[in-house]
């Protein structure tokens, strides 16, 4: 691991600080970046995520997908945690904290909005950033692709009913444009580019050398994405620090709790680490574009629900980096 990667958490912390400063000192620049979006997907962030995802997609060997059937446990853990556990534990934590623990500091009408936003986050497992976390833990690229694809297919039919049940509303309108565009940009196109690159390079040695050359761009893309995400919310962070902190508490507990459940299950079932790490990380991160889009459509742009989904974006990267570090330190405890 190079010096740059070794101190990645330091660069991320500096990127967060730089983003907050930029958001407050150069709001016009941030507004211009925020305006570059289609179907609630920011195109600048999309390009950076593409840079992060592409190097791993080059490592996807289509032939290895035939071996997935030999390791069904990883996929089963992912699906059970994401769809039978995560949405409901997030809802439970949201209710506990905002109706009881934080009740003295939060008005009831605001509390209900924050609960709604957290429920939307819990029901939307991540699509794009999983490839980054998988790459940082040396995950199996082909198996990670399978896990993400299975989640996306289930999300099409399960997201709206789960959200409707937990929110107690029936007029959930899934922003299909956001869902489809995100899958296209962050999964389909990088995968196609990766497969074409593999075909052009032809040999395993050339593929490995190419991945080594482009991997730094993935880390740079991650840092630039953090700057932009924190820049977009820089003024909110400064103006509402207590609210941001309170919303972050259940999200952080949920993240570590879900990771612990999935990672422990993978360890108990003797799932290889290259599958176990991405398996646990998929359920820990969120599809924030979808959650934000639904929150805005249901409750409005300036609602507490929309704010809660945005806090999920801000919390995710630092939390995920700590989990990536933990997964890497415990690799030796798993089967190869």
Protein backbone atom coordinates (compact mmCIF):
# COMPACT_ATOMS: atom_id res chain seq x y z
CA UNK A 1 0.00 0.00 0.00
CA UNK A 2 1.41 3.38 -1.03
CA UNK A 3 1.74 6.39 1.26
CA UNK A 4 -1.25 8.04 -0.42
CA UNK A 5 -3.53 5.08 0.25
CA UNK A 6 -2.08 4.44 3.70
CA UNK A 7 -3.14 7.88 4.89
CA UNK A 8 -6.41 7.94 2.96
CA UNK A 9 -8.41 8.79 6.09
CA UNK A 10 -6.27 11.92 6.54
CA UNK A 11 -6.92 13.06 2.96
CA UNK A 12 -10.64 12.39 3.40
CA UNK A 13 -10.72 14.49 6.58
CA UNK A 14 -8.97 17.33 4.75
CA UNK A 15 -11.40 16.93 1.84
CA UNK A 16 -14.37 17.23 4.21
CA UNK A 17 -12.91 20.41 5.71
CA UNK A 18 -12.13 21.81 2.25
CA UNK A 19 -15.67 21.08 1.12
CA UNK A 20 -17.23 22.88 4.08
CA UNK A 21 -14.95 25.90 3.53
CA UNK A 22 -15.75 25.98 -0.20
CA UNK A 23 -19.48 25.69 0.42
CA UNK A 24 -19.40 28.75 2.68
CA UNK A 25 -16.85 30.93 0.87
CA UNK A 26 -17.75 30.12 -2.74
CA UNK A 27 -21.50 29.41 -2.78
CA UNK A 28 -21.75 30.42 -6.45
CA UNK A 29 -19.26 27.75 -7.47
CA UNK A 30 -21.11 25.14 -5.41
CA UNK A 31 -24.45 26.22 -6.89
CA UNK A 32 -23.03 25.72 -10.38
CA UNK A 33 -21.95 22.18 -9.53
CA UNK A 34 -25.32 21.46 -7.91
CA UNK A 35 -27.17 22.63 -11.03
CA UNK A 36 -25.40 20.08 -13.22
CA UNK A 37 -27.80 17.22 -12.57
CA UNK A 38 -30.25 14.99 -14.39
CA UNK A 39 -32.99 13.08 -12.53
CA UNK A 40 -31.45 14.06 -9.17
CA UNK A 41 -28.11 12.51 -10.23
CA UNK A 42 -25.33 15.08 -10.13
CA UNK A 43 -23.32 14.74 -13.31
CA UNK A 44 -20.06 16.03 -11.80
CA UNK A 45 -20.29 13.48 -8.99
CA UNK A 46 -21.29 10.85 -11.57
CA UNK A 47 -18.07 11.41 -13.52
CA UNK A 48 -16.01 11.08 -10.35
CA UNK A 49 -17.82 7.92 -9.26
CA UNK A 50 -17.24 6.55 -12.76
CA UNK A 51 -13.53 7.16 -12.25
CA UNK A 52 -13.74 5.24 -8.98
CA UNK A 53 -15.75 2.31 -10.34
CA UNK A 54 -14.01 1.78 -13.69
CA UNK A 55 -10.70 0.35 -12.36
CA UNK A 56 -12.58 -2.39 -10.52
CA UNK A 57 -14.76 -3.16 -13.53
CA UNK A 58 -11.60 -3.85 -15.52
CA UNK A 59 -10.99 -6.63 -13.01
CA UNK A 60 -14.35 -8.31 -13.65
CA UNK A 61 -13.62 -11.60 -15.37
CA UNK A 62 -16.84 -12.86 -17.04
CA UNK A 63 -15.56 -16.41 -16.77
CA UNK A 64 -15.37 -16.17 -12.98
CA UNK A 65 -19.13 -15.54 -12.73
CA UNK A 66 -19.64 -19.26 -13.37
CA UNK A 67 -18.07 -19.93 -9.96
CA UNK A 68 -20.64 -17.82 -8.09
CA UNK A 69 -22.89 -20.84 -7.56
CA UNK A 70 -20.13 -22.38 -5.43
CA UNK A 71 -20.40 -19.50 -2.92
CA UNK A 72 -24.14 -18.77 -2.50
CA UNK A 73 -23.81 -17.79 1.17
CA UNK A 74 -22.36 -14.34 0.43
CA UNK A 75 -25.27 -13.42 -1.81
CA UNK A 76 -27.84 -14.77 0.65
CA UNK A 77 -26.36 -12.77 3.52
CA UNK A 78 -26.45 -9.61 1.43
CA UNK A 79 -30.09 -10.05 0.46
CA UNK A 80 -31.31 -11.02 3.94
CA UNK A 81 -29.50 -8.14 5.63
CA UNK A 82 -30.51 -5.54 3.03
CA UNK A 83 -34.17 -6.43 2.71
CA UNK A 84 -35.27 -8.30 5.83
CA UNK A 85 -33.20 -6.53 8.50
CA UNK A 86 -31.78 -3.15 7.51
CA UNK A 87 -34.97 -1.16 6.69
CA UNK A 88 -36.62 -2.21 9.94
CA UNK A 89 -33.65 -1.65 12.24
CA UNK A 90 -33.18 1.83 10.72
CA UNK A 91 -36.85 2.62 11.34
CA UNK A 92 -36.60 1.34 14.91
CA UNK A 93 -33.48 3.39 15.67
CA UNK A 94 -35.06 6.50 14.13
CA UNK A 95 -38.15 6.17 16.32
CA UNK A 96 -36.17 5.45 19.49
CA UNK A 97 -33.88 8.45 19.06
CA UNK A 98 -36.27 11.07 17.69
CA UNK A 99 -39.37 10.20 19.67
CA UNK A 100 -37.61 9.48 22.96
CA UNK A 101 -33.86 10.12 23.33
CA UNK A 102 -33.74 13.42 21.42
CA UNK A 103 -37.30 14.53 22.26
CA UNK A 104 -36.16 17.39 24.56
CA UNK A 105 -34.24 19.06 21.70
CA UNK A 106 -36.37 18.27 18.63
CA UNK A 107 -39.92 19.48 17.94
CA UNK A 108 -42.37 16.59 17.26
CA UNK A 109 -43.13 17.73 13.71
CA UNK A 110 -39.40 17.89 12.91
CA UNK A 111 -38.83 14.52 14.54
CA UNK A 112 -41.37 12.85 12.25
CA UNK A 113 -39.60 14.34 9.22
CA UNK A 114 -36.20 13.08 10.33
CA UNK A 115 -37.65 9.62 10.97
CA UNK A 116 -39.08 9.56 7.44
CA UNK A 117 -35.74 10.51 5.93
CA UNK A 118 -33.90 7.82 7.87
CA UNK A 119 -36.44 5.22 6.77
CA UNK A 120 -35.83 6.18 3.14
CA UNK A 121 -32.09 5.74 3.67
CA UNK A 122 -32.51 2.34 5.30
CA UNK A 123 -34.62 1.00 2.44
CA UNK A 124 -32.13 1.94 -0.29
CA UNK A 125 -28.94 -0.18 -0.37
CA UNK A 126 -25.96 1.25 -2.23
CA UNK A 127 -25.22 0.77 -5.92
CA UNK A 128 -22.15 2.75 -6.96
CA UNK A 129 -19.82 3.27 -4.02
CA UNK A 130 -19.86 -0.43 -3.13
CA UNK A 131 -17.39 -1.03 -5.95
CA UNK A 132 -15.02 1.46 -4.35
CA UNK A 133 -15.23 -0.18 -0.90
CA UNK A 134 -14.87 -3.61 -2.48
CA UNK A 135 -11.74 -2.52 -4.34
CA UNK A 136 -10.22 -1.08 -1.14
CA UNK A 137 -10.75 -4.45 0.61
CA UNK A 138 -9.49 -6.49 -2.38
CA UNK A 139 -12.96 -7.87 -2.93
CA UNK A 140 -13.94 -10.25 -5.71
CA UNK A 141 -14.95 -7.90 -8.55
CA UNK A 142 -17.24 -10.39 -10.27
CA UNK A 143 -19.04 -11.40 -7.09
CA UNK A 144 -19.45 -7.77 -6.03
CA UNK A 145 -21.07 -7.06 -9.39
CA UNK A 146 -23.47 -9.98 -8.84
CA UNK A 147 -24.41 -8.74 -5.36
CA UNK A 148 -25.06 -5.19 -6.57
CA UNK A 149 -27.07 -6.42 -9.56
CA UNK A 150 -29.25 -8.64 -7.38
CA UNK A 151 -29.90 -5.72 -5.02
CA UNK A 152 -30.86 -3.45 -7.90
CA UNK A 153 -33.33 -5.98 -9.26
CA UNK A 154 -34.96 -6.42 -5.86
CA UNK A 155 -35.01 -2.67 -5.30
CA UNK A 156 -37.23 -2.24 -8.35
CA UNK A 157 -40.04 -4.23 -6.73
CA UNK A 158 -39.34 -3.96 -2.98
CA UNK A 159 -38.33 -0.35 -2.30
CA UNK A 160 -41.75 1.27 -2.66
CA UNK A 161 -43.73 -1.35 -0.65
CA UNK A 162 -41.23 -1.32 2.22
CA UNK A 163 -41.15 2.48 2.38
CA UNK A 164 -44.95 2.67 2.14
CA UNK A 165 -45.31 0.18 4.99
CA UNK A 166 -42.81 1.89 7.28
CA UNK A 167 -44.00 5.45 6.53
CA UNK A 168 -47.67 4.55 6.63
CA UNK A 169 -48.38 6.21 3.29
CA UNK A 170 -49.60 4.70 0.06
CA UNK A 171 -48.65 7.27 -2.57
CA UNK A 172 -44.97 6.38 -2.84
CA UNK A 173 -43.77 7.25 -6.33
CA UNK A 174 -40.43 5.69 -7.12
CA UNK A 175 -38.31 8.09 -9.22
CA UNK A 176 -37.62 5.57 -11.94
CA UNK A 177 -35.50 8.05 -13.87
CA UNK A 178 -33.11 8.34 -10.89
CA UNK A 179 -33.00 4.58 -10.37
CA UNK A 180 -32.49 3.71 -14.03
CA UNK A 181 -29.96 6.47 -14.69
CA UNK A 182 -27.92 5.55 -11.62
CA UNK A 183 -27.77 1.86 -12.57
CA UNK A 184 -26.86 2.80 -16.14
CA UNK A 185 -24.15 5.28 -15.15
CA UNK A 186 -22.64 3.44 -12.20
CA UNK A 187 -23.00 -0.22 -13.20
CA UNK A 188 -23.83 -0.85 -16.86
CA UNK A 189 -21.54 1.66 -18.59
CA UNK A 190 -18.46 1.11 -16.37
CA UNK A 191 -18.93 -2.64 -16.76
CA UNK A 192 -19.11 -2.36 -20.55
CA UNK A 193 -16.01 -0.15 -20.57
CA UNK A 194 -14.19 -2.57 -18.29
CA UNK A 195 -15.01 -5.56 -20.46
CA UNK A 196 -13.88 -3.74 -23.61
CA UNK A 197 -10.64 -2.77 -21.87
CA UNK A 198 -10.03 -6.39 -20.84
CA UNK A 199 -10.58 -7.54 -24.41
CA UNK A 200 -8.15 -4.92 -25.71
CA UNK A 201 -5.44 -5.75 -23.15
CA UNK A 202 -5.92 -9.49 -23.68
CA UNK A 203 -3.38 -10.89 -21.19
CA UNK A 204 -3.70 -11.09 -17.37
CA UNK A 205 -0.33 -9.39 -16.95
CA UNK A 206 -1.33 -6.38 -19.06
CA UNK A 207 -4.69 -6.16 -17.27
CA UNK A 208 -3.00 -6.15 -13.88
CA UNK A 209 -0.49 -3.51 -14.97
CA UNK A 210 -3.28 -1.33 -16.37
CA UNK A 211 -5.26 -1.58 -13.14
CA UNK A 212 -2.20 -0.51 -11.18
CA UNK A 213 -1.83 2.56 -13.40
CA UNK A 214 -5.48 3.69 -13.14
CA UNK A 215 -6.05 2.85 -9.47
CA UNK A 216 -4.74 6.24 -8.24
CA UNK A 217 -7.48 7.94 -10.27
CA UNK A 218 -10.02 5.99 -8.22
CA UNK A 219 -8.65 7.40 -4.96
CA UNK A 220 -8.48 10.93 -6.41
CA UNK A 221 -12.08 10.54 -7.55
CA UNK A 222 -13.11 9.53 -4.04
CA UNK A 223 -11.42 12.56 -2.46
CA UNK A 224 -12.87 14.96 -5.05
CA UNK A 225 -16.33 13.48 -4.48
CA UNK A 226 -16.04 14.12 -0.74
CA UNK A 227 -15.07 17.75 -1.39
CA UNK A 228 -18.13 18.23 -3.59
CA UNK A 229 -20.58 16.46 -1.29
CA UNK A 230 -19.48 18.46 1.73
CA UNK A 231 -19.33 21.62 -0.36
CA UNK A 232 -22.95 21.17 -1.44
CA UNK A 233 -23.98 21.01 2.22
CA UNK A 234 -21.34 23.32 3.66
CA UNK A 235 -23.77 26.09 4.66
CA UNK A 236 -26.20 23.61 6.21
CA UNK A 237 -23.44 22.01 8.27
CA UNK A 238 -22.39 25.40 9.65
CA UNK A 239 -25.94 26.68 10.27
CA UNK A 240 -27.38 23.48 11.80
CA UNK A 241 -24.49 21.62 13.44
CA UNK A 242 -26.57 20.20 16.33
CA UNK A 243 -29.29 18.86 14.02
CA UNK A 244 -26.68 17.30 11.74
CA UNK A 245 -25.03 15.65 14.74
CA UNK A 246 -28.31 14.28 16.13
CA UNK A 247 -29.37 12.82 12.77
CA UNK A 248 -25.92 11.26 12.37
CA UNK A 249 -26.15 9.28 15.62
CA UNK A 250 -28.72 6.64 14.52
CA UNK A 251 -27.14 6.44 11.06
CA UNK A 252 -23.73 5.66 12.55
CA UNK A 253 -25.16 3.07 14.95
CA UNK A 254 -27.09 1.49 12.09
CA UNK A 255 -24.01 1.37 9.87
CA UNK A 256 -21.78 -0.36 12.40
CA UNK A 257 -24.58 -2.65 13.56
CA UNK A 258 -25.50 -3.84 10.07
CA UNK A 259 -21.86 -4.39 9.19
CA UNK A 260 -21.37 -6.43 12.37
CA UNK A 261 -24.37 -8.65 11.59
CA UNK A 262 -23.36 -9.33 7.98
CA UNK A 263 -19.63 -9.70 8.69
CA UNK A 264 -20.23 -12.05 11.62
CA UNK A 265 -22.63 -14.14 9.54
CA UNK A 266 -20.07 -14.39 6.75
CA UNK A 267 -17.41 -15.43 9.24
CA UNK A 268 -19.70 -18.07 10.81
CA UNK A 269 -20.56 -19.49 7.38
CA UNK A 270 -16.86 -19.54 6.37
CA UNK A 271 -17.35 -17.17 3.44
CA UNK A 272 -13.99 -16.16 1.90
CA UNK A 273 -12.87 -12.66 2.81
CA UNK A 274 -12.87 -11.46 -0.82
CA UNK A 275 -16.66 -12.07 -0.75
CA UNK A 276 -17.37 -11.44 2.95
CA UNK A 277 -16.02 -7.88 3.02
CA UNK A 278 -18.10 -6.54 0.08
CA UNK A 279 -21.06 -8.59 1.33
CA UNK A 280 -21.03 -6.69 4.65
CA UNK A 281 -20.20 -3.31 3.13
CA UNK A 282 -23.09 -3.38 0.63
CA UNK A 283 -25.67 -3.37 3.41
CA UNK A 284 -23.82 -0.70 5.35
CA UNK A 285 -23.83 1.99 2.65
CA UNK A 286 -26.87 3.62 1.04
CA UNK A 287 -28.23 4.59 -2.38
CA UNK A 288 -28.42 8.25 -1.37
CA UNK A 289 -29.47 9.57 -4.80
CA UNK A 290 -32.67 7.51 -4.62
CA UNK A 291 -33.34 8.36 -0.97
CA UNK A 292 -32.85 12.09 -1.53
CA UNK A 293 -35.05 12.08 -4.64
CA UNK A 294 -37.93 10.32 -2.88
CA UNK A 295 -37.62 12.55 0.21
CA UNK A 296 -37.87 15.67 -1.94
CA UNK A 297 -40.81 14.34 -3.96
CA UNK A 298 -42.74 13.32 -0.84
CA UNK A 299 -41.86 16.07 1.63
CA UNK A 300 -40.24 18.91 -0.29
CA UNK A 301 -36.77 20.27 -0.95
CA UNK A 302 -36.41 22.05 2.40
CA UNK A 303 -37.99 19.32 4.51
CA UNK A 304 -36.45 17.57 7.48
CA UNK A 305 -36.74 14.29 5.59
CA UNK A 306 -34.58 15.61 2.75
CA UNK A 307 -32.06 16.92 5.29
CA UNK A 308 -31.86 13.51 6.98
CA UNK A 309 -31.07 11.77 3.69
CA UNK A 310 -28.36 14.34 3.00
CA UNK A 311 -26.79 13.69 6.41
CA UNK A 312 -26.60 10.07 5.35
CA UNK A 313 -24.41 11.17 2.45
CA UNK A 314 -22.10 13.13 4.75
CA UNK A 315 -21.74 10.31 7.29
CA UNK A 316 -21.23 7.49 4.81
CA UNK A 317 -17.68 8.06 3.56
CA UNK A 318 -15.95 8.48 6.95
CA UNK A 319 -17.86 5.55 8.45
CA UNK A 320 -17.19 3.31 5.47
CA UNK A 321 -13.48 4.05 5.58
CA UNK A 322 -13.30 2.88 9.19
CA UNK A 323 -15.12 -0.33 8.21
CA UNK A 324 -12.81 -0.84 5.23
CA UNK A 325 -9.84 -0.51 7.60
CA UNK A 326 -11.39 -3.01 10.01
CA UNK A 327 -12.13 -5.48 7.22
CA UNK A 328 -8.55 -5.24 5.99
CA UNK A 329 -7.12 -5.79 9.48
CA UNK A 330 -9.26 -8.91 10.01
CA UNK A 331 -8.62 -10.50 6.60
CA UNK A 332 -6.39 -13.20 8.07
CA UNK A 333 -9.23 -14.51 10.24
CA UNK A 334 -11.22 -15.55 7.17
CA UNK A 335 -10.71 -18.35 4.70
CA UNK A 336 -8.97 -17.45 1.47
